[in-house]
Amino acid sequence: MASLGTFGTPREAPEEQSFGYFGTEVRVNPDFGELDLADFMEAAADLDEDSVDSLSLLKNTMRGAVHAEDFDTFWATAKRNRQGIADLLPILYAVVEAVSARPTERPSDSSGGPRPTRALSAVDSSSQVIGRLEGQGRADLALMARMATEASAASA
């Protein structure tokens, strides 16, 4: 069998990061990254946004994004402040951006934007998330979500 070579680029864990959340300081799990977001988007693609499974998926993904020692405090704070999916997704995307050290915004000298794609199926939860992010003026996060969804579709 012929070898294609050796692949993979070792990456160091980022320095410890945290974010403020309703007066508490929440540490980020340094092992969480953009591939975890891809897993989240793949799993979310088949779920109804309002289903119990979608809430469970978000909680499990947030559990991976937040440092294990801080998660219970984070989750209790979110519940106490009546947070929902739309409130937690921007945190999730910010964590991915921070730990991957790859901004989700296009540089100012980039092209005019992604090329339009035709719809392949009915509206699903990922397209609803993308639409909500675009409506909130977060085209950068919407682009990341769209790319994860398209990558998942291409590998299926």
N, C-alpha and C. Protein backbone atom coordinates (compact mmCIF):
# COMPACT_ATOMS: atom_id res chain seq x y z
N MET A 1 0.84 -1.16 0.00
CA MET A 1 0.00 0.00 0.00
C MET A 1 0.89 1.24 0.00
N ALA A 2 0.55 2.22 -0.81
CA ALA A 2 1.32 3.45 -0.90
C ALA A 2 0.85 4.44 0.16
N SER A 3 1.79 5.12 0.76
CA SER A 3 1.47 6.11 1.79
C SER A 3 1.23 7.47 1.15
N LEU A 4 0.28 8.18 1.65
CA LEU A 4 0.01 9.55 1.19
C LEU A 4 0.86 10.56 1.94
N GLY A 5 1.58 10.13 2.94
CA GLY A 5 2.39 11.04 3.74
C GLY A 5 1.87 11.09 5.16
N THR A 6 2.39 12.03 5.90
CA THR A 6 2.01 12.22 7.29
C THR A 6 1.26 13.53 7.40
N PHE A 7 0.10 13.49 8.05
CA PHE A 7 -0.73 14.67 8.19
C PHE A 7 -0.92 15.02 9.66
N GLY A 8 -1.40 16.20 9.88
CA GLY A 8 -1.71 16.66 11.23
C GLY A 8 -0.72 17.71 11.69
N THR A 9 -1.23 18.73 12.26
CA THR A 9 -0.40 19.80 12.81
C THR A 9 -0.66 19.87 14.30
N PRO A 10 0.35 19.53 15.10
CA PRO A 10 0.15 19.61 16.55
C PRO A 10 -0.16 21.05 16.96
N ARG A 11 -1.08 21.19 17.86
CA ARG A 11 -1.46 22.52 18.36
C ARG A 11 -1.37 22.51 19.88
N GLU A 12 -0.83 23.58 20.41
CA GLU A 12 -0.76 23.73 21.86
C GLU A 12 -2.12 24.19 22.37
N ALA A 13 -2.44 23.80 23.57
CA ALA A 13 -3.68 24.28 24.19
C ALA A 13 -3.54 25.79 24.40
N PRO A 14 -4.61 26.52 24.15
CA PRO A 14 -4.54 27.96 24.37
C PRO A 14 -4.39 28.27 25.86
N GLU A 15 -3.93 29.49 26.14
CA GLU A 15 -3.85 29.88 27.54
C GLU A 15 -5.25 29.90 28.13
N GLU A 16 -5.32 29.80 29.45
CA GLU A 16 -6.63 29.77 30.10
C GLU A 16 -7.41 31.02 29.76
N GLN A 17 -8.67 30.82 29.40
CA GLN A 17 -9.54 31.93 29.04
C GLN A 17 -10.81 31.86 29.87
N SER A 18 -11.47 33.00 29.99
CA SER A 18 -12.72 33.04 30.75
C SER A 18 -13.60 34.14 30.18
N PHE A 19 -14.83 34.17 30.65
CA PHE A 19 -15.74 35.23 30.25
C PHE A 19 -16.64 35.56 31.44
N GLY A 20 -17.10 36.80 31.47
CA GLY A 20 -18.02 37.22 32.51
C GLY A 20 -19.44 36.81 32.15
N TYR A 21 -20.19 36.40 33.16
CA TYR A 21 -21.55 35.95 32.91
C TYR A 21 -22.41 36.29 34.11
N PHE A 22 -23.21 37.33 34.00
CA PHE A 22 -24.08 37.78 35.08
C PHE A 22 -23.33 37.90 36.40
N GLY A 23 -22.17 38.52 36.36
CA GLY A 23 -21.41 38.78 37.58
C GLY A 23 -20.50 37.65 38.03
N THR A 24 -20.48 36.55 37.32
CA THR A 24 -19.56 35.45 37.65
C THR A 24 -18.50 35.35 36.57
N GLU A 25 -17.38 34.78 36.92
CA GLU A 25 -16.31 34.55 35.96
C GLU A 25 -16.33 33.06 35.62
N VAL A 26 -16.48 32.75 34.33
CA VAL A 26 -16.59 31.37 33.88
C VAL A 26 -15.38 31.03 33.04
N ARG A 27 -14.68 29.97 33.41
CA ARG A 27 -13.51 29.54 32.64
C ARG A 27 -13.95 28.67 31.45
N VAL A 28 -13.18 28.78 30.39
CA VAL A 28 -13.42 28.01 29.18
C VAL A 28 -12.64 26.71 29.25
N ASN A 29 -13.23 25.63 28.75
CA ASN A 29 -12.53 24.35 28.65
C ASN A 29 -11.51 24.46 27.52
N PRO A 30 -10.22 24.39 27.81
CA PRO A 30 -9.21 24.57 26.77
C PRO A 30 -9.19 23.45 25.72
N ASP A 31 -9.84 22.32 26.02
CA ASP A 31 -9.89 21.21 25.07
C ASP A 31 -11.03 21.33 24.07
N PHE A 32 -11.91 22.29 24.28
CA PHE A 32 -13.06 22.49 23.40
C PHE A 32 -12.60 23.27 22.17
N GLY A 33 -13.11 22.91 20.98
CA GLY A 33 -12.68 23.60 19.78
C GLY A 33 -13.70 23.54 18.66
N GLU A 34 -13.26 23.97 17.49
CA GLU A 34 -14.17 24.10 16.37
C GLU A 34 -14.71 22.75 15.88
N LEU A 35 -14.01 21.67 16.11
CA LEU A 35 -14.55 20.36 15.73
C LEU A 35 -15.72 19.97 16.63
N ASP A 36 -15.68 20.44 17.88
CA ASP A 36 -16.83 20.22 18.76
C ASP A 36 -18.04 20.98 18.23
N LEU A 37 -17.81 22.16 17.67
CA LEU A 37 -18.90 22.92 17.06
C LEU A 37 -19.44 22.17 15.84
N ALA A 38 -18.56 21.59 15.04
CA ALA A 38 -19.01 20.81 13.89
C ALA A 38 -19.87 19.63 14.34
N ASP A 39 -19.46 18.96 15.43
CA ASP A 39 -20.27 17.86 15.97
C ASP A 39 -21.65 18.37 16.41
N PHE A 40 -21.66 19.53 17.06
CA PHE A 40 -22.91 20.13 17.50
C PHE A 40 -23.82 20.43 16.31
N MET A 41 -23.27 21.04 15.27
CA MET A 41 -24.07 21.41 14.10
C MET A 41 -24.58 20.16 13.38
N GLU A 42 -23.77 19.12 13.31
CA GLU A 42 -24.21 17.88 12.68
C GLU A 42 -25.38 17.27 13.44
N ALA A 43 -25.26 17.21 14.75
CA ALA A 43 -26.34 16.65 15.56
C ALA A 43 -27.58 17.53 15.53
N ALA A 44 -27.40 18.85 15.50
CA ALA A 44 -28.53 19.78 15.51
C ALA A 44 -29.29 19.78 14.19
N ALA A 45 -28.64 19.40 13.11
CA ALA A 45 -29.27 19.45 11.79
C ALA A 45 -30.53 18.60 11.71
N ASP A 46 -30.57 17.52 12.48
CA ASP A 46 -31.71 16.61 12.41
C ASP A 46 -32.74 16.83 13.52
N LEU A 47 -32.55 17.88 14.31
CA LEU A 47 -33.46 18.10 15.44
C LEU A 47 -34.36 19.30 15.22
N ASP A 48 -35.54 19.22 15.79
CA ASP A 48 -36.43 20.37 15.85
C ASP A 48 -35.90 21.28 16.95
N GLU A 49 -35.76 22.55 16.64
CA GLU A 49 -35.17 23.50 17.57
C GLU A 49 -35.87 23.51 18.93
N ASP A 50 -37.15 23.24 18.96
CA ASP A 50 -37.91 23.29 20.21
C ASP A 50 -38.04 21.94 20.90
N SER A 51 -37.36 20.92 20.40
CA SER A 51 -37.49 19.59 21.00
C SER A 51 -36.62 19.48 22.25
N VAL A 52 -36.97 18.50 23.08
CA VAL A 52 -36.19 18.22 24.28
C VAL A 52 -34.76 17.82 23.88
N ASP A 53 -34.64 17.07 22.79
CA ASP A 53 -33.32 16.64 22.35
C ASP A 53 -32.42 17.82 21.99
N SER A 54 -32.99 18.88 21.41
CA SER A 54 -32.16 20.03 21.05
C SER A 54 -31.66 20.75 22.30
N LEU A 55 -32.49 20.81 23.34
CA LEU A 55 -32.06 21.43 24.59
C LEU A 55 -30.97 20.59 25.25
N SER A 56 -31.12 19.28 25.21
CA SER A 56 -30.12 18.38 25.77
C SER A 56 -28.80 18.49 25.01
N LEU A 57 -28.89 18.57 23.69
CA LEU A 57 -27.69 18.72 22.87
C LEU A 57 -26.95 20.02 23.21
N LEU A 58 -27.70 21.10 23.34
CA LEU A 58 -27.07 22.38 23.69
C LEU A 58 -26.42 22.30 25.07
N LYS A 59 -27.11 21.73 26.03
CA LYS A 59 -26.55 21.63 27.38
C LYS A 59 -25.27 20.80 27.36
N ASN A 60 -25.28 19.67 26.67
CA ASN A 60 -24.08 18.83 26.60
C ASN A 60 -22.93 19.53 25.90
N THR A 61 -23.25 20.31 24.86
CA THR A 61 -22.21 21.04 24.15
C THR A 61 -21.65 22.15 25.03
N MET A 62 -22.52 22.85 25.75
CA MET A 62 -22.06 23.88 26.68
C MET A 62 -21.24 23.26 27.81
N ARG A 63 -21.63 22.06 28.24
CA ARG A 63 -20.85 21.35 29.27
C ARG A 63 -19.42 21.11 28.77
N GLY A 64 -19.27 20.83 27.49
CA GLY A 64 -17.94 20.65 26.93
C GLY A 64 -17.18 21.95 26.75
N ALA A 65 -17.90 23.05 26.53
CA ALA A 65 -17.26 24.34 26.27
C ALA A 65 -16.80 25.04 27.55
N VAL A 66 -17.52 24.81 28.63
CA VAL A 66 -17.22 25.46 29.91
C VAL A 66 -16.35 24.52 30.74
N HIS A 67 -15.39 25.08 31.44
CA HIS A 67 -14.52 24.30 32.32
C HIS A 67 -15.38 23.46 33.26
N ALA A 68 -15.02 22.21 33.45
CA ALA A 68 -15.82 21.27 34.25
C ALA A 68 -16.11 21.80 35.66
N GLU A 69 -15.15 22.48 36.26
CA GLU A 69 -15.34 22.99 37.62
C GLU A 69 -16.30 24.19 37.66
N ASP A 70 -16.55 24.81 36.52
CA ASP A 70 -17.40 26.00 36.47
C ASP A 70 -18.78 25.74 35.89
N PHE A 71 -18.99 24.55 35.32
CA PHE A 71 -20.24 24.33 34.58
C PHE A 71 -21.48 24.43 35.46
N ASP A 72 -21.49 23.83 36.63
CA ASP A 72 -22.69 23.87 37.47
C ASP A 72 -23.08 25.30 37.82
N THR A 73 -22.10 26.13 38.13
CA THR A 73 -22.37 27.54 38.43
C THR A 73 -22.88 28.26 37.19
N PHE A 74 -22.24 27.99 36.05
CA PHE A 74 -22.67 28.61 34.79
C PHE A 74 -24.13 28.25 34.49
N TRP A 75 -24.45 26.96 34.58
CA TRP A 75 -25.80 26.50 34.22
C TRP A 75 -26.84 27.05 35.20
N ALA A 76 -26.52 27.05 36.48
CA ALA A 76 -27.45 27.61 37.47
C ALA A 76 -27.68 29.10 37.21
N THR A 77 -26.62 29.80 36.83
CA THR A 77 -26.74 31.23 36.53
C THR A 77 -27.61 31.44 35.30
N ALA A 78 -27.43 30.61 34.28
CA ALA A 78 -28.25 30.71 33.06
C ALA A 78 -29.72 30.48 33.40
N LYS A 79 -30.00 29.47 34.20
CA LYS A 79 -31.38 29.17 34.58
C LYS A 79 -31.99 30.30 35.41
N ARG A 80 -31.22 30.80 36.36
CA ARG A 80 -31.70 31.87 37.23
C ARG A 80 -32.04 33.13 36.43
N ASN A 81 -31.33 33.33 35.32
CA ASN A 81 -31.54 34.51 34.49
C ASN A 81 -32.38 34.22 33.25
N ARG A 82 -33.09 33.09 33.26
CA ARG A 82 -34.04 32.70 32.22
C ARG A 82 -33.43 32.74 30.81
N GLN A 83 -32.24 32.19 30.69
CA GLN A 83 -31.58 32.17 29.39
C GLN A 83 -32.12 31.01 28.55
N GLY A 84 -32.05 31.18 27.24
CA GLY A 84 -32.52 30.16 26.31
C GLY A 84 -31.46 29.87 25.25
N ILE A 85 -31.85 29.10 24.27
CA ILE A 85 -30.94 28.71 23.20
C ILE A 85 -30.34 29.93 22.52
N ALA A 86 -31.19 30.90 22.19
CA ALA A 86 -30.71 32.09 21.49
C ALA A 86 -29.71 32.88 22.33
N ASP A 87 -29.78 32.75 23.65
CA ASP A 87 -28.85 33.45 24.53
C ASP A 87 -27.53 32.71 24.67
N LEU A 88 -27.57 31.38 24.59
CA LEU A 88 -26.37 30.58 24.82
C LEU A 88 -25.54 30.35 23.55
N LEU A 89 -26.19 30.33 22.38
CA LEU A 89 -25.43 30.08 21.15
C LEU A 89 -24.32 31.09 20.91
N PRO A 90 -24.53 32.39 21.10
CA PRO A 90 -23.42 33.33 20.90
C PRO A 90 -22.23 33.05 21.83
N ILE A 91 -22.51 32.56 23.04
CA ILE A 91 -21.42 32.20 23.95
C ILE A 91 -20.66 31.02 23.37
N LEU A 92 -21.39 30.03 22.89
CA LEU A 92 -20.77 28.85 22.31
C LEU A 92 -19.85 29.23 21.15
N TYR A 93 -20.34 30.06 20.25
CA TYR A 93 -19.53 30.47 19.10
C TYR A 93 -18.33 31.31 19.53
N ALA A 94 -18.49 32.15 20.54
CA ALA A 94 -17.37 32.95 21.03
C ALA A 94 -16.29 32.06 21.64
N VAL A 95 -16.72 31.02 22.36
CA VAL A 95 -15.76 30.08 22.95
C VAL A 95 -14.99 29.36 21.86
N VAL A 96 -15.70 28.91 20.83
CA VAL A 96 -15.02 28.22 19.72
C VAL A 96 -13.99 29.15 19.08
N GLU A 97 -14.39 30.38 18.83
CA GLU A 97 -13.49 31.35 18.23
C GLU A 97 -12.25 31.56 19.10
N ALA A 98 -12.46 31.66 20.41
CA ALA A 98 -11.35 31.92 21.32
C ALA A 98 -10.39 30.74 21.41
N VAL A 99 -10.91 29.52 21.57
CA VAL A 99 -10.01 28.38 21.75
C VAL A 99 -9.36 27.94 20.46
N SER A 100 -9.98 28.23 19.33
CA SER A 100 -9.37 27.85 18.06
C SER A 100 -8.41 28.91 17.55
N ALA A 101 -8.44 30.09 18.17
CA ALA A 101 -7.59 31.22 17.78
C ALA A 101 -7.79 31.56 16.31
N ARG A 102 -9.00 31.34 15.85
CA ARG A 102 -9.33 31.64 14.46
C ARG A 102 -10.60 32.47 14.45
N PRO A 103 -10.47 33.76 14.15
CA PRO A 103 -11.67 34.59 14.15
C PRO A 103 -12.66 34.13 13.09
N THR A 104 -13.95 34.30 13.41
CA THR A 104 -14.97 33.90 12.46
C THR A 104 -15.34 35.03 11.52
N GLU A 105 -14.73 36.20 11.71
CA GLU A 105 -15.02 37.32 10.81
C GLU A 105 -14.05 37.28 9.64
N ARG A 106 -14.53 37.71 8.48
CA ARG A 106 -13.67 37.79 7.32
C ARG A 106 -12.76 39.00 7.44
N PRO A 107 -11.52 38.90 6.99
CA PRO A 107 -10.67 40.08 6.98
C PRO A 107 -11.25 41.13 6.05
N SER A 108 -10.90 42.38 6.29
CA SER A 108 -11.51 43.46 5.53
C SER A 108 -11.18 43.41 4.04
N ASP A 109 -10.07 42.78 3.68
CA ASP A 109 -9.70 42.71 2.26
C ASP A 109 -10.17 41.42 1.59
N SER A 110 -11.11 40.72 2.22
CA SER A 110 -11.60 39.47 1.64
C SER A 110 -12.60 39.76 0.52
N SER A 111 -13.04 38.70 -0.10
CA SER A 111 -14.03 38.83 -1.16
C SER A 111 -15.35 39.33 -0.59
N GLY A 112 -16.29 39.59 -1.43
CA GLY A 112 -17.57 40.14 -1.02
C GLY A 112 -18.41 39.21 -0.17
N GLY A 113 -18.01 37.98 0.02
CA GLY A 113 -18.77 37.07 0.86
C GLY A 113 -18.89 35.71 0.21
N PRO A 114 -19.52 34.80 0.94
CA PRO A 114 -19.67 33.45 0.39
C PRO A 114 -20.63 33.46 -0.79
N ARG A 115 -20.40 32.52 -1.70
CA ARG A 115 -21.29 32.44 -2.84
C ARG A 115 -22.61 31.84 -2.39
N PRO A 116 -23.69 32.27 -2.99
CA PRO A 116 -24.99 31.72 -2.60
C PRO A 116 -25.06 30.24 -2.93
N THR A 117 -25.75 29.51 -2.09
CA THR A 117 -25.97 28.09 -2.35
C THR A 117 -27.46 27.84 -2.43
N ARG A 118 -27.82 26.86 -3.21
CA ARG A 118 -29.24 26.57 -3.33
C ARG A 118 -29.67 25.71 -2.16
N ALA A 119 -30.89 25.85 -1.76
CA ALA A 119 -31.41 25.07 -0.65
C ALA A 119 -31.51 23.61 -1.07
N LEU A 120 -31.01 22.72 -0.21
CA LEU A 120 -31.04 21.30 -0.53
C LEU A 120 -32.21 20.58 0.14
N SER A 121 -32.77 21.20 1.17
CA SER A 121 -33.85 20.53 1.87
C SER A 121 -34.72 21.57 2.57
N ALA A 122 -35.75 21.08 3.22
CA ALA A 122 -36.64 21.97 3.97
C ALA A 122 -35.87 22.63 5.10
N VAL A 123 -36.46 23.66 5.65
CA VAL A 123 -35.83 24.37 6.76
C VAL A 123 -35.60 23.39 7.90
N ASP A 124 -34.39 23.40 8.46
CA ASP A 124 -34.09 22.57 9.60
C ASP A 124 -33.55 23.45 10.72
N SER A 125 -33.21 22.85 11.84
CA SER A 125 -32.80 23.65 12.99
C SER A 125 -31.53 24.44 12.71
N SER A 126 -30.59 23.88 11.93
CA SER A 126 -29.37 24.63 11.66
C SER A 126 -29.66 25.85 10.80
N SER A 127 -30.57 25.75 9.84
CA SER A 127 -30.89 26.93 9.04
C SER A 127 -31.66 27.95 9.87
N GLN A 128 -32.42 27.49 10.85
CA GLN A 128 -33.09 28.43 11.75
C GLN A 128 -32.08 29.17 12.61
N VAL A 129 -31.06 28.46 13.09
CA VAL A 129 -30.00 29.09 13.87
C VAL A 129 -29.25 30.10 13.00
N ILE A 130 -28.93 29.70 11.78
CA ILE A 130 -28.23 30.60 10.86
C ILE A 130 -29.06 31.85 10.60
N GLY A 131 -30.36 31.67 10.36
CA GLY A 131 -31.23 32.82 10.13
C GLY A 131 -31.29 33.74 11.33
N ARG A 132 -31.35 33.16 12.52
CA ARG A 132 -31.41 33.97 13.73
C ARG A 132 -30.11 34.76 13.90
N LEU A 133 -28.96 34.11 13.66
CA LEU A 133 -27.68 34.80 13.79
C LEU A 133 -27.57 35.94 12.79
N GLU A 134 -28.01 35.69 11.56
CA GLU A 134 -27.98 36.76 10.55
C GLU A 134 -28.90 37.91 10.96
N GLY A 135 -30.06 37.58 11.53
CA GLY A 135 -31.00 38.59 11.98
C GLY A 135 -30.45 39.41 13.14
N GLN A 136 -29.52 38.83 13.90
CA GLN A 136 -28.91 39.53 15.03
C GLN A 136 -27.66 40.29 14.60
N GLY A 137 -27.41 40.32 13.28
CA GLY A 137 -26.24 41.03 12.79
C GLY A 137 -24.94 40.26 12.99
N ARG A 138 -25.02 38.95 13.19
CA ARG A 138 -23.83 38.13 13.40
C ARG A 138 -23.56 37.27 12.18
N ALA A 139 -23.30 37.94 11.05
CA ALA A 139 -23.01 37.22 9.81
C ALA A 139 -21.78 36.35 9.96
N ASP A 140 -20.83 36.75 10.81
CA ASP A 140 -19.63 35.96 11.03
C ASP A 140 -19.96 34.60 11.64
N LEU A 141 -20.81 34.59 12.65
CA LEU A 141 -21.19 33.33 13.27
C LEU A 141 -22.11 32.52 12.37
N ALA A 142 -22.97 33.21 11.63
CA ALA A 142 -23.85 32.52 10.69
C ALA A 142 -23.01 31.80 9.62
N LEU A 143 -21.95 32.46 9.17
CA LEU A 143 -21.07 31.84 8.18
C LEU A 143 -20.41 30.59 8.75
N MET A 144 -19.95 30.65 10.01
CA MET A 144 -19.33 29.49 10.63
C MET A 144 -20.34 28.34 10.73
N ALA A 145 -21.56 28.65 11.14
CA ALA A 145 -22.59 27.63 11.26
C ALA A 145 -22.92 27.03 9.89
N ARG A 146 -23.01 27.89 8.87
CA ARG A 146 -23.31 27.42 7.51
C ARG A 146 -22.19 26.50 7.01
N MET A 147 -20.94 26.88 7.27
CA MET A 147 -19.81 26.07 6.81
C MET A 147 -19.83 24.69 7.50
N ALA A 148 -20.16 24.67 8.79
CA ALA A 148 -20.22 23.40 9.51
C ALA A 148 -21.34 22.52 8.97
N THR A 149 -22.48 23.14 8.66
CA THR A 149 -23.61 22.40 8.11
C THR A 149 -23.27 21.84 6.72
N GLU A 150 -22.64 22.66 5.88
CA GLU A 150 -22.28 22.20 4.54
C GLU A 150 -21.23 21.10 4.59
N ALA A 151 -20.27 21.23 5.51
CA ALA A 151 -19.26 20.19 5.65
C ALA A 151 -19.88 18.88 6.09
N SER A 152 -20.85 18.98 6.99
CA SER A 152 -21.54 17.79 7.45
C SER A 152 -22.33 17.14 6.30
N ALA A 153 -22.99 17.96 5.50
CA ALA A 153 -23.78 17.45 4.37
C ALA A 153 -22.87 16.81 3.32
N ALA A 154 -21.71 17.41 3.10
CA ALA A 154 -20.79 16.88 2.10
C ALA A 154 -20.21 15.53 2.50
N SER A 155 -20.06 15.33 3.81
CA SER A 155 -19.47 14.07 4.27
C SER A 155 -20.51 12.96 4.41
N ALA A 156 -21.79 13.32 4.30
CA ALA A 156 -22.86 12.32 4.47
C ALA A 156 -23.02 11.49 3.23
